Amino acid sequence: MNSRLEDGSSRRILFIDFSLYTDDDDPNFKQELIQLMTDNLKELHEAYRHTIEQNDPGHFVKACHKVTTTLIMLADQEFTDFVETLKTAERDEMKSIHLYRLCTEITASLSSELI
């Protein structure tokens, strides 16, 4: 499954239903929620970079645990599956680049929800 937008943009289709998490689509809460999710995605990628640089796989596993709620809310199975493989797969720079790209695409999609 490729959940990128068909227009070739660097965004991904979002599967999250914000109405499940916000009262009456409260724009302030939605903005806070999106900021939290964006911060979690950034932290996830930074944890993977740390894992590569310091050869510390436990660091990434801890970060995954911390951002579990964001992963569940996003409901992006392709992304979640990739993150799960990173927990046990051999770490390398190409995987880090792919994770960065996915996080950036999701962040761009989340940001577009605020417009």
PDB file of N, CA and C in Angstrom:
ATOM      1  N   MET A   1       0.838  -1.177   0.000  1.00  0.00           N
ATOM      2  CA  MET A   1       0.000   0.000   0.000  1.00  0.00           C
ATOM      3  C   MET A   1       0.882   1.238   0.000  1.00  0.00           C
ATOM      4  N   ASN A   2       0.611   2.162  -0.872  1.00  0.00           N
ATOM      5  CA  ASN A   2       1.325   3.423  -0.899  1.00  0.00           C
ATOM      6  C   ASN A   2       0.324   4.509  -0.574  1.00  0.00           C
ATOM      7  N   SER A   3       0.495   5.138   0.560  1.00  0.00           N
ATOM      8  CA  SER A   3      -0.498   6.113   0.992  1.00  0.00           C
ATOM      9  C   SER A   3      -0.114   7.541   0.640  1.00  0.00           C
ATOM     10  N   ARG A   4       0.835   7.721  -0.249  1.00  0.00           N
ATOM     11  CA  ARG A   4       1.157   9.072  -0.702  1.00  0.00           C
ATOM     12  C   ARG A   4      -0.010   9.624  -1.492  1.00  0.00           C
ATOM     13  N   LEU A   5      -0.094  10.943  -1.503  1.00  0.00           N
ATOM     14  CA  LEU A   5      -1.143  11.569  -2.286  1.00  0.00           C
ATOM     15  C   LEU A   5      -0.854  11.397  -3.764  1.00  0.00           C
ATOM     16  N   GLU A   6      -1.894  11.246  -4.552  1.00  0.00           N
ATOM     17  CA  GLU A   6      -1.730  10.989  -5.975  1.00  0.00           C
ATOM     18  C   GLU A   6      -1.188  12.183  -6.746  1.00  0.00           C
ATOM     19  N   ASP A   7      -1.296  13.384  -6.179  1.00  0.00           N
ATOM     20  CA  ASP A   7      -0.816  14.559  -6.897  1.00  0.00           C
ATOM     21  C   ASP A   7       0.705  14.682  -6.870  1.00  0.00           C
ATOM     22  N   GLY A   8       1.384  13.696  -6.283  1.00  0.00           N
ATOM     23  CA  GLY A   8       2.839  13.689  -6.260  1.00  0.00           C
ATOM     24  C   GLY A   8       3.429  14.587  -5.182  1.00  0.00           C
ATOM     25  N   SER A   9       2.593  15.132  -4.344  1.00  0.00           N
ATOM     26  CA  SER A   9       3.096  16.014  -3.294  1.00  0.00           C
ATOM     27  C   SER A   9       3.857  15.204  -2.254  1.00  0.00           C
ATOM     28  N   SER A  10       4.540  15.924  -1.399  1.00  0.00           N
ATOM     29  CA  SER A  10       5.303  15.242  -0.352  1.00  0.00           C
ATOM     30  C   SER A  10       4.464  15.127   0.916  1.00  0.00           C
ATOM     31  N   ARG A  11       3.204  14.830   0.731  1.00  0.00           N
ATOM     32  CA  ARG A  11       2.308  14.574   1.850  1.00  0.00           C
ATOM     33  C   ARG A  11       1.785  13.158   1.727  1.00  0.00           C
ATOM     34  N   ARG A  12       1.246  12.668   2.839  1.00  0.00           N
ATOM     35  CA  ARG A  12       0.630  11.338   2.857  1.00  0.00           C
ATOM     36  C   ARG A  12      -0.838  11.494   3.182  1.00  0.00           C
ATOM     37  N   ILE A  13      -1.603  10.546   2.738  1.00  0.00           N
ATOM     38  CA  ILE A  13      -3.009  10.507   3.102  1.00  0.00           C
ATOM     39  C   ILE A  13      -3.079  10.245   4.600  1.00  0.00           C
ATOM     40  N   LEU A  14      -3.909  11.014   5.282  1.00  0.00           N
ATOM     41  CA  LEU A  14      -4.102  10.801   6.709  1.00  0.00           C
ATOM     42  C   LEU A  14      -5.323   9.923   6.923  1.00  0.00           C
ATOM     43  N   PHE A  15      -5.197   8.971   7.820  1.00  0.00           N
ATOM     44  CA  PHE A  15      -6.295   8.072   8.133  1.00  0.00           C
ATOM     45  C   PHE A  15      -6.948   8.431   9.463  1.00  0.00           C
ATOM     46  N   ILE A  16      -6.413   9.445  10.120  1.00  0.00           N
ATOM     47  CA  ILE A  16      -6.896   9.835  11.443  1.00  0.00           C
ATOM     48  C   ILE A  16      -8.236  10.567  11.322  1.00  0.00           C
ATOM     49  N   ASP A  17      -9.124  10.246  12.238  1.00  0.00           N
ATOM     50  CA  ASP A  17     -10.405  10.939  12.332  1.00  0.00           C
ATOM     51  C   ASP A  17     -10.311  11.847  13.556  1.00  0.00           C
ATOM     52  N   PHE A  18     -10.003  13.117  13.318  1.00  0.00           N
ATOM     53  CA  PHE A  18      -9.800  14.043  14.427  1.00  0.00           C
ATOM     54  C   PHE A  18     -11.037  14.199  15.300  1.00  0.00           C
ATOM     55  N   SER A  19     -12.209  13.969  14.742  1.00  0.00           N
ATOM     56  CA  SER A  19     -13.437  14.127  15.532  1.00  0.00           C
ATOM     57  C   SER A  19     -13.504  13.121  16.688  1.00  0.00           C
ATOM     58  N   LEU A  20     -12.748  12.035  16.593  1.00  0.00           N
ATOM     59  CA  LEU A  20     -12.705  11.067  17.690  1.00  0.00           C
ATOM     60  C   LEU A  20     -11.926  11.601  18.889  1.00  0.00           C
ATOM     61  N   TYR A  21     -11.086  12.605  18.641  1.00  0.00           N
ATOM     62  CA  TYR A  21     -10.183  13.086  19.684  1.00  0.00           C
ATOM     63  C   TYR A  21     -10.440  14.526  20.110  1.00  0.00           C
ATOM     64  N   THR A  22     -11.261  15.247  19.362  1.00  0.00           N
ATOM     65  CA  THR A  22     -11.516  16.646  19.697  1.00  0.00           C
ATOM     66  C   THR A  22     -13.003  16.857  19.917  1.00  0.00           C
ATOM     67  N   ASP A  23     -13.324  17.666  20.899  1.00  0.00           N
ATOM     68  CA  ASP A  23     -14.717  18.003  21.166  1.00  0.00           C
ATOM     69  C   ASP A  23     -15.195  19.019  20.139  1.00  0.00           C
ATOM     70  N   ASP A  24     -16.216  18.645  19.406  1.00  0.00           N
ATOM     71  CA  ASP A  24     -16.808  19.539  18.409  1.00  0.00           C
ATOM     72  C   ASP A  24     -15.758  20.145  17.486  1.00  0.00           C
ATOM     73  N   ASP A  25     -14.760  19.348  17.150  1.00  0.00           N
ATOM     74  CA  ASP A  25     -13.674  19.812  16.277  1.00  0.00           C
ATOM     75  C   ASP A  25     -13.065  21.118  16.772  1.00  0.00           C
ATOM     76  N   ASP A  26     -12.843  21.212  18.069  1.00  0.00           N
ATOM     77  CA  ASP A  26     -12.228  22.384  18.698  1.00  0.00           C
ATOM     78  C   ASP A  26     -10.894  22.690  18.008  1.00  0.00           C
ATOM     79  N   PRO A  27     -10.797  23.821  17.309  1.00  0.00           N
ATOM     80  CA  PRO A  27      -9.578  24.116  16.546  1.00  0.00           C
ATOM     81  C   PRO A  27      -8.332  24.281  17.418  1.00  0.00           C
ATOM     82  N   ASN A  28      -8.482  24.818  18.625  1.00  0.00           N
ATOM     83  CA  ASN A  28      -7.319  24.986  19.502  1.00  0.00           C
ATOM     84  C   ASN A  28      -6.781  23.639  19.970  1.00  0.00           C
ATOM     85  N   PHE A  29      -7.686  22.746  20.352  1.00  0.00           N
ATOM     86  CA  PHE A  29      -7.237  21.422  20.781  1.00  0.00           C
ATOM     87  C   PHE A  29      -6.646  20.654  19.609  1.00  0.00           C
ATOM     88  N   LYS A  30      -7.270  20.776  18.456  1.00  0.00           N
ATOM     89  CA  LYS A  30      -6.759  20.099  17.256  1.00  0.00           C
ATOM     90  C   LYS A  30      -5.342  20.588  16.949  1.00  0.00           C
ATOM     91  N   GLN A  31      -5.113  21.885  17.081  1.00  0.00           N
ATOM     92  CA  GLN A  31      -3.786  22.433  16.836  1.00  0.00           C
ATOM     93  C   GLN A  31      -2.775  21.870  17.832  1.00  0.00           C
ATOM     94  N   GLU A  32      -3.157  21.802  19.101  1.00  0.00           N
ATOM     95  CA  GLU A  32      -2.269  21.235  20.119  1.00  0.00           C
ATOM     96  C   GLU A  32      -1.981  19.760  19.848  1.00  0.00           C
ATOM     97  N   LEU A  33      -3.007  19.030  19.455  1.00  0.00           N
ATOM     98  CA  LEU A  33      -2.854  17.610  19.152  1.00  0.00           C
ATOM     99  C   LEU A  33      -1.910  17.404  17.972  1.00  0.00           C
ATOM    100  N   ILE A  34      -2.092  18.197  16.932  1.00  0.00           N
ATOM    101  CA  ILE A  34      -1.221  18.088  15.758  1.00  0.00           C
ATOM    102  C   ILE A  34       0.211  18.439  16.121  1.00  0.00           C
ATOM    103  N   GLN A  35       0.411  19.440  16.961  1.00  0.00           N
ATOM    104  CA  GLN A  35       1.767  19.806  17.388  1.00  0.00           C
ATOM    105  C   GLN A  35       2.411  18.669  18.173  1.00  0.00           C
ATOM    106  N   LEU A  36       1.642  18.056  19.049  1.00  0.00           N
ATOM    107  CA  LEU A  36       2.151  16.921  19.825  1.00  0.00           C
ATOM    108  C   LEU A  36       2.530  15.759  18.904  1.00  0.00           C
ATOM    109  N   MET A  37       1.685  15.468  17.947  1.00  0.00           N
ATOM    110  CA  MET A  37       1.965  14.373  17.022  1.00  0.00           C
ATOM    111  C   MET A  37       3.200  14.683  16.181  1.00  0.00           C
ATOM    112  N   THR A  38       3.325  15.919  15.737  1.00  0.00           N
ATOM    113  CA  THR A  38       4.487  16.341  14.954  1.00  0.00           C
ATOM    114  C   THR A  38       5.761  16.209  15.787  1.00  0.00           C
ATOM    115  N   ASP A  39       5.691  16.637  17.039  1.00  0.00           N
ATOM    116  CA  ASP A  39       6.851  16.499  17.932  1.00  0.00           C
ATOM    117  C   ASP A  39       7.217  15.027  18.126  1.00  0.00           C
ATOM    118  N   ASN A  40       6.214  14.173  18.240  1.00  0.00           N
ATOM    119  CA  ASN A  40       6.468  12.729  18.393  1.00  0.00           C
ATOM    120  C   ASN A  40       7.157  12.157  17.167  1.00  0.00           C
ATOM    121  N   LEU A  41       6.746  12.573  15.987  1.00  0.00           N
ATOM    122  CA  LEU A  41       7.369  12.081  14.752  1.00  0.00           C
ATOM    123  C   LEU A  41       8.823  12.531  14.671  1.00  0.00           C
ATOM    124  N   LYS A  42       9.080  13.775  15.051  1.00  0.00           N
ATOM    125  CA  LYS A  42      10.450  14.277  15.058  1.00  0.00           C
ATOM    126  C   LYS A  42      11.295  13.489  16.053  1.00  0.00           C
ATOM    127  N   GLU A  43      10.745  13.247  17.229  1.00  0.00           N
ATOM    128  CA  GLU A  43      11.460  12.493  18.255  1.00  0.00           C
ATOM    129  C   GLU A  43      11.753  11.059  17.797  1.00  0.00           C
ATOM    130  N   LEU A  44      10.814  10.467  17.093  1.00  0.00           N
ATOM    131  CA  LEU A  44      10.998   9.107  16.597  1.00  0.00           C
ATOM    132  C   LEU A  44      12.188   9.040  15.648  1.00  0.00           C
ATOM    133  N   HIS A  45      12.254   9.981  14.720  1.00  0.00           N
ATOM    134  CA  HIS A  45      13.381   9.980  13.783  1.00  0.00           C
ATOM    135  C   HIS A  45      14.694  10.274  14.501  1.00  0.00           C
ATOM    136  N   GLU A  46      14.675  11.231  15.417  1.00  0.00           N
ATOM    137  CA  GLU A  46      15.899  11.546  16.158  1.00  0.00           C
ATOM    138  C   GLU A  46      16.370  10.341  16.970  1.00  0.00           C
ATOM    139  N   ALA A  47      15.443   9.578  17.509  1.00  0.00           N
ATOM    140  CA  ALA A  47      15.807   8.377  18.267  1.00  0.00           C
ATOM    141  C   ALA A  47      16.456   7.342  17.359  1.00  0.00           C
ATOM    142  N   TYR A  48      15.953   7.217  16.131  1.00  0.00           N
ATOM    143  CA  TYR A  48      16.570   6.255  15.205  1.00  0.00           C
ATOM    144  C   TYR A  48      17.983   6.708  14.832  1.00  0.00           C
ATOM    145  N   ARG A  49      18.152   8.007  14.603  1.00  0.00           N
ATOM    146  CA  ARG A  49      19.491   8.534  14.301  1.00  0.00           C
ATOM    147  C   ARG A  49      20.441   8.230  15.468  1.00  0.00           C
ATOM    148  N   HIS A  50      19.968   8.460  16.684  1.00  0.00           N
ATOM    149  CA  HIS A  50      20.778   8.183  17.872  1.00  0.00           C
ATOM    150  C   HIS A  50      21.149   6.694  17.934  1.00  0.00           C
ATOM    151  N   THR A  51      20.172   5.859  17.620  1.00  0.00           N
ATOM    152  CA  THR A  51      20.397   4.414  17.642  1.00  0.00           C
ATOM    153  C   THR A  51      21.502   4.022  16.673  1.00  0.00           C
ATOM    154  N   ILE A  52      21.502   4.621  15.481  1.00  0.00           N
ATOM    155  CA  ILE A  52      22.553   4.330  14.500  1.00  0.00           C
ATOM    156  C   ILE A  52      23.904   4.849  14.996  1.00  0.00           C
ATOM    157  N   GLU A  53      23.920   6.102  15.417  1.00  0.00           N
ATOM    158  CA  GLU A  53      25.184   6.736  15.798  1.00  0.00           C
ATOM    159  C   GLU A  53      25.802   6.121  17.046  1.00  0.00           C
ATOM    160  N   GLN A  54      24.974   5.748  18.012  1.00  0.00           N
ATOM    161  CA  GLN A  54      25.488   5.241  19.285  1.00  0.00           C
ATOM    162  C   GLN A  54      25.379   3.725  19.420  1.00  0.00           C
ATOM    163  N   ASN A  55      24.882   3.062  18.382  1.00  0.00           N
ATOM    164  CA  ASN A  55      24.662   1.617  18.431  1.00  0.00           C
ATOM    165  C   ASN A  55      23.881   1.238  19.697  1.00  0.00           C
ATOM    166  N   ASP A  56      22.758   1.937  19.874  1.00  0.00           N
ATOM    167  CA  ASP A  56      21.939   1.794  21.077  1.00  0.00           C
ATOM    168  C   ASP A  56      20.495   1.488  20.673  1.00  0.00           C
ATOM    169  N   PRO A  57      20.201   0.239  20.292  1.00  0.00           N
ATOM    170  CA  PRO A  57      18.858  -0.104  19.820  1.00  0.00           C
ATOM    171  C   PRO A  57      17.768   0.129  20.857  1.00  0.00           C
ATOM    172  N   GLY A  58      18.103   0.047  22.119  1.00  0.00           N
ATOM    173  CA  GLY A  58      17.110   0.266  23.166  1.00  0.00           C
ATOM    174  C   GLY A  58      16.532   1.672  23.144  1.00  0.00           C
ATOM    175  N   HIS A  59      17.326   2.624  22.707  1.00  0.00           N
ATOM    176  CA  HIS A  59      16.873   4.015  22.651  1.00  0.00           C
ATOM    177  C   HIS A  59      15.689   4.159  21.689  1.00  0.00           C
ATOM    178  N   PHE A  60      15.773   3.526  20.533  1.00  0.00           N
ATOM    179  CA  PHE A  60      14.686   3.599  19.555  1.00  0.00           C
ATOM    180  C   PHE A  60      13.450   2.867  20.069  1.00  0.00           C
ATOM    181  N   VAL A  61      13.646   1.736  20.687  1.00  0.00           N
ATOM    182  CA  VAL A  61      12.512   0.969  21.229  1.00  0.00           C
ATOM    183  C   VAL A  61      11.771   1.804  22.272  1.00  0.00           C
ATOM    184  N   LYS A  62      12.503   2.495  23.131  1.00  0.00           N
ATOM    185  CA  LYS A  62      11.872   3.370  24.128  1.00  0.00           C
ATOM    186  C   LYS A  62      11.091   4.488  23.458  1.00  0.00           C
ATOM    187  N   ALA A  63      11.663   5.077  22.416  1.00  0.00           N
ATOM    188  CA  ALA A  63      10.974   6.153  21.699  1.00  0.00           C
ATOM    189  C   ALA A  63       9.701   5.628  21.044  1.00  0.00           C
ATOM    190  N   CYS A  64       9.765   4.426  20.496  1.00  0.00           N
ATOM    191  CA  CYS A  64       8.572   3.819  19.883  1.00  0.00           C
ATOM    192  C   CYS A  64       7.465   3.655  20.916  1.00  0.00           C
ATOM    193  N   HIS A  65       7.851   3.212  22.097  1.00  0.00           N
ATOM    194  CA  HIS A  65       6.871   3.044  23.168  1.00  0.00           C
ATOM    195  C   HIS A  65       6.243   4.390  23.525  1.00  0.00           C
ATOM    196  N   LYS A  66       7.062   5.421  23.584  1.00  0.00           N
ATOM    197  CA  LYS A  66       6.577   6.756  23.948  1.00  0.00           C
ATOM    198  C   LYS A  66       5.593   7.305  22.925  1.00  0.00           C
ATOM    199  N   VAL A  67       5.793   7.002  21.654  1.00  0.00           N
ATOM    200  CA  VAL A  67       4.936   7.568  20.599  1.00  0.00           C
ATOM    201  C   VAL A  67       3.848   6.597  20.139  1.00  0.00           C
ATOM    202  N   THR A  68       3.631   5.541  20.888  1.00  0.00           N
ATOM    203  CA  THR A  68       2.625   4.541  20.510  1.00  0.00           C
ATOM    204  C   THR A  68       1.258   5.165  20.252  1.00  0.00           C
ATOM    205  N   THR A  69       0.850   6.077  21.102  1.00  0.00           N
ATOM    206  CA  THR A  69      -0.462   6.700  20.934  1.00  0.00           C
ATOM    207  C   THR A  69      -0.548   7.434  19.603  1.00  0.00           C
ATOM    208  N   THR A  70       0.502   8.145  19.244  1.00  0.00           N
ATOM    209  CA  THR A  70       0.514   8.841  17.951  1.00  0.00           C
ATOM    210  C   THR A  70       0.417   7.843  16.806  1.00  0.00           C
ATOM    211  N   LEU A  71       1.154   6.747  16.888  1.00  0.00           N
ATOM    212  CA  LEU A  71       1.095   5.733  15.832  1.00  0.00           C
ATOM    213  C   LEU A  71      -0.312   5.155  15.712  1.00  0.00           C
ATOM    214  N   ILE A  72      -0.941   4.897  16.832  1.00  0.00           N
ATOM    215  CA  ILE A  72      -2.299   4.351  16.807  1.00  0.00           C
ATOM    216  C   ILE A  72      -3.262   5.358  16.206  1.00  0.00           C
ATOM    217  N   MET A  73      -3.147   6.615  16.632  1.00  0.00           N
ATOM    218  CA  MET A  73      -4.052   7.650  16.123  1.00  0.00           C
ATOM    219  C   MET A  73      -3.875   7.871  14.626  1.00  0.00           C
ATOM    220  N   LEU A  74      -2.653   7.819  14.146  1.00  0.00           N
ATOM    221  CA  LEU A  74      -2.408   8.017  12.715  1.00  0.00           C
ATOM    222  C   LEU A  74      -3.049   6.911  11.879  1.00  0.00           C
ATOM    223  N   ALA A  75      -3.074   5.716  12.407  1.00  0.00           N
ATOM    224  CA  ALA A  75      -3.676   4.563  11.723  1.00  0.00           C
ATOM    225  C   ALA A  75      -3.113   4.366  10.319  1.00  0.00           C
ATOM    226  N   ASP A  76      -1.836   4.681  10.162  1.00  0.00           N
ATOM    227  CA  ASP A  76      -1.145   4.509   8.882  1.00  0.00           C
ATOM    228  C   ASP A  76      -0.384   3.188   8.971  1.00  0.00           C
ATOM    229  N   GLN A  77      -1.005   2.124   8.507  1.00  0.00           N
ATOM    230  CA  GLN A  77      -0.446   0.782   8.684  1.00  0.00           C
ATOM    231  C   GLN A  77       0.923   0.633   8.041  1.00  0.00           C
ATOM    232  N   GLU A  78       1.104   1.207   6.871  1.00  0.00           N
ATOM    233  CA  GLU A  78       2.400   1.131   6.201  1.00  0.00           C
ATOM    234  C   GLU A  78       3.490   1.764   7.073  1.00  0.00           C
ATOM    235  N   PHE A  79       3.207   2.917   7.632  1.00  0.00           N
ATOM    236  CA  PHE A  79       4.169   3.603   8.494  1.00  0.00           C
ATOM    237  C   PHE A  79       4.420   2.810   9.778  1.00  0.00           C
ATOM    238  N   THR A  80       3.361   2.353  10.407  1.00  0.00           N
ATOM    239  CA  THR A  80       3.483   1.583  11.642  1.00  0.00           C
ATOM    240  C   THR A  80       4.289   0.306  11.410  1.00  0.00           C
ATOM    241  N   ASP A  81       4.023  -0.392  10.314  1.00  0.00           N
ATOM    242  CA  ASP A  81       4.771  -1.605  10.002  1.00  0.00           C
ATOM    243  C   ASP A  81       6.254  -1.307   9.805  1.00  0.00           C
ATOM    244  N   PHE A  82       6.551  -0.200   9.131  1.00  0.00           N
ATOM    245  CA  PHE A  82       7.951   0.168   8.910  1.00  0.00           C
ATOM    246  C   PHE A  82       8.633   0.459  10.244  1.00  0.00           C
ATOM    247  N   VAL A  83       7.972   1.206  11.107  1.00  0.00           N
ATOM    248  CA  VAL A  83       8.538   1.508  12.421  1.00  0.00           C
ATOM    249  C   VAL A  83       8.787   0.215  13.194  1.00  0.00           C
ATOM    250  N   GLU A  84       7.856  -0.714  13.125  1.00  0.00           N
ATOM    251  CA  GLU A  84       8.033  -1.996  13.821  1.00  0.00           C
ATOM    252  C   GLU A  84       9.250  -2.753  13.295  1.00  0.00           C
ATOM    253  N   THR A  85       9.468  -2.734  11.982  1.00  0.00           N
ATOM    254  CA  THR A  85      10.637  -3.444  11.439  1.00  0.00           C
ATOM    255  C   THR A  85      11.934  -2.797  11.883  1.00  0.00           C
ATOM    256  N   LEU A  86      11.907  -1.493  12.100  1.00  0.00           N
ATOM    257  CA  LEU A  86      13.128  -0.807  12.525  1.00  0.00           C
ATOM    258  C   LEU A  86      13.584  -1.227  13.914  1.00  0.00           C
ATOM    259  N   LYS A  87      12.666  -1.733  14.710  1.00  0.00           N
ATOM    260  CA  LYS A  87      13.024  -2.158  16.068  1.00  0.00           C
ATOM    261  C   LYS A  87      14.004  -3.317  16.047  1.00  0.00           C
ATOM    262  N   THR A  88      13.901  -4.189  15.046  1.00  0.00           N
ATOM    263  CA  THR A  88      14.732  -5.394  15.031  1.00  0.00           C
ATOM    264  C   THR A  88      15.625  -5.516  13.800  1.00  0.00           C
ATOM    265  N   ALA A  89      15.368  -4.731  12.776  1.00  0.00           N
ATOM    266  CA  ALA A  89      16.161  -4.833  11.546  1.00  0.00           C
ATOM    267  C   ALA A  89      17.543  -4.223  11.749  1.00  0.00           C
ATOM    268  N   GLU A  90      18.457  -4.637  10.908  1.00  0.00           N
ATOM    269  CA  GLU A  90      19.786  -4.036  10.933  1.00  0.00           C
ATOM    270  C   GLU A  90      19.647  -2.550  10.617  1.00  0.00           C
ATOM    271  N   ARG A  91      20.294  -1.733  11.406  1.00  0.00           N
ATOM    272  CA  ARG A  91      20.170  -0.290  11.250  1.00  0.00           C
ATOM    273  C   ARG A  91      21.107   0.209  10.168  1.00  0.00           C
ATOM    274  N   ASP A  92      20.592   1.113   9.340  1.00  0.00           N
ATOM    275  CA  ASP A  92      21.448   1.714   8.329  1.00  0.00           C
ATOM    276  C   ASP A  92      20.900   3.084   7.913  1.00  0.00           C
ATOM    277  N   GLU A  93      21.728   3.799   7.218  1.00  0.00           N
ATOM    278  CA  GLU A  93      21.409   5.172   6.810  1.00  0.00           C
ATOM    279  C   GLU A  93      20.215   5.233   5.870  1.00  0.00           C
ATOM    280  N   MET A  94      20.060   4.270   4.986  1.00  0.00           N
ATOM    281  CA  MET A  94      18.930   4.291   4.039  1.00  0.00           C
ATOM    282  C   MET A  94      17.597   4.177   4.780  1.00  0.00           C
ATOM    283  N   LYS A  95      17.555   3.365   5.799  1.00  0.00           N
ATOM    284  CA  LYS A  95      16.328   3.256   6.597  1.00  0.00           C
ATOM    285  C   LYS A  95      16.048   4.568   7.319  1.00  0.00           C
ATOM    286  N   SER A  96      17.096   5.229   7.776  1.00  0.00           N
ATOM    287  CA  SER A  96      16.935   6.516   8.442  1.00  0.00           C
ATOM    288  C   SER A  96      16.375   7.554   7.475  1.00  0.00           C
ATOM    289  N   ILE A  97      16.865   7.556   6.264  1.00  0.00           N
ATOM    290  CA  ILE A  97      16.372   8.486   5.241  1.00  0.00           C
ATOM    291  C   ILE A  97      14.907   8.199   4.936  1.00  0.00           C
ATOM    292  N   HIS A  98      14.566   6.925   4.821  1.00  0.00           N
ATOM    293  CA  HIS A  98      13.178   6.555   4.541  1.00  0.00           C
ATOM    294  C   HIS A  98      12.267   6.968   5.701  1.00  0.00           C
ATOM    295  N   LEU A  99      12.705   6.735   6.926  1.00  0.00           N
ATOM    296  CA  LEU A  99      11.917   7.142   8.094  1.00  0.00           C
ATOM    297  C   LEU A  99      11.738   8.655   8.107  1.00  0.00           C
ATOM    298  N   TYR A 100      12.802   9.382   7.813  1.00  0.00           N
ATOM    299  CA  TYR A 100      12.726  10.849   7.768  1.00  0.00           C
ATOM    300  C   TYR A 100      11.706  11.296   6.720  1.00  0.00           C
ATOM    301  N   ARG A 101      11.754  10.681   5.548  1.00  0.00           N
ATOM    302  CA  ARG A 101      10.815  11.041   4.473  1.00  0.00           C
ATOM    303  C   ARG A 101       9.380  10.783   4.900  1.00  0.00           C
ATOM    304  N   LEU A 102       9.132   9.627   5.482  1.00  0.00           N
ATOM    305  CA  LEU A 102       7.775   9.305   5.931  1.00  0.00           C
ATOM    306  C   LEU A 102       7.303  10.284   7.006  1.00  0.00           C
ATOM    307  N   CYS A 103       8.153  10.564   7.970  1.00  0.00           N
ATOM    308  CA  CYS A 103       7.786  11.503   9.040  1.00  0.00           C
ATOM    309  C   CYS A 103       7.518  12.892   8.467  1.00  0.00           C
ATOM    310  N   THR A 104       8.328  13.305   7.501  1.00  0.00           N
ATOM    311  CA  THR A 104       8.142  14.612   6.873  1.00  0.00           C
ATOM    312  C   THR A 104       6.832  14.667   6.097  1.00  0.00           C
ATOM    313  N   GLU A 105       6.510  13.616   5.376  1.00  0.00           N
ATOM    314  CA  GLU A 105       5.253  13.575   4.622  1.00  0.00           C
ATOM    315  C   GLU A 105       4.042  13.621   5.552  1.00  0.00           C
ATOM    316  N   ILE A 106       4.106  12.880   6.646  1.00  0.00           N
ATOM    317  CA  ILE A 106       2.994  12.866   7.598  1.00  0.00           C
ATOM    318  C   ILE A 106       2.871  14.230   8.263  1.00  0.00           C
ATOM    319  N   THR A 107       4.002  14.819   8.634  1.00  0.00           N
ATOM    320  CA  THR A 107       3.985  16.142   9.247  1.00  0.00           C
ATOM    321  C   THR A 107       3.382  17.176   8.304  1.00  0.00           C
ATOM    322  N   ALA A 108       3.728  17.112   7.022  1.00  0.00           N
ATOM    323  CA  ALA A 108       3.155  18.045   6.051  1.00  0.00           C
ATOM    324  C   ALA A 108       1.647  17.867   5.950  1.00  0.00           C
ATOM    325  N   SER A 109       1.182  16.638   5.983  1.00  0.00           N
ATOM    326  CA  SER A 109      -0.251  16.366   5.925  1.00  0.00           C
ATOM    327  C   SER A 109      -0.945  16.877   7.182  1.00  0.00           C
ATOM    328  N   LEU A 110      -0.322  16.652   8.333  1.00  0.00           N
ATOM    329  CA  LEU A 110      -0.899  17.148   9.579  1.00  0.00           C
ATOM    330  C   LEU A 110      -0.990  18.672   9.566  1.00  0.00           C
ATOM    331  N   SER A 111       0.065  19.315   9.093  1.00  0.00           N
ATOM    332  CA  SER A 111       0.085  20.778   9.024  1.00  0.00           C
ATOM    333  C   SER A 111      -1.010  21.315   8.106  1.00  0.00           C
ATOM    334  N   SER A 112      -1.286  20.578   7.029  1.00  0.00           N
ATOM    335  CA  SER A 112      -2.314  21.033   6.087  1.00  0.00           C
ATOM    336  C   SER A 112      -3.708  20.958   6.716  1.00  0.00           C
ATOM    337  N   GLU A 113      -3.858  20.177   7.785  1.00  0.00           N
ATOM    338  CA  GLU A 113      -5.132  20.081   8.493  1.00  0.00           C
ATOM    339  C   GLU A 113      -5.451  21.373   9.235  1.00  0.00           C
ATOM    340  N   LEU A 114      -4.454  22.195   9.478  1.00  0.00           N
ATOM    341  CA  LEU A 114      -4.654  23.431  10.241  1.00  0.00           C
ATOM    342  C   LEU A 114      -5.097  24.592   9.353  1.00  0.00           C
ATOM    343  N   ILE A 115      -5.035  24.411   8.064  1.00  0.00           N
ATOM    344  CA  ILE A 115      -5.406  25.486   7.130  1.00  0.00           C
ATOM    345  C   ILE A 115      -6.903  25.582   6.996  1.00  0.00           C
TER     346      ILE A 115
END
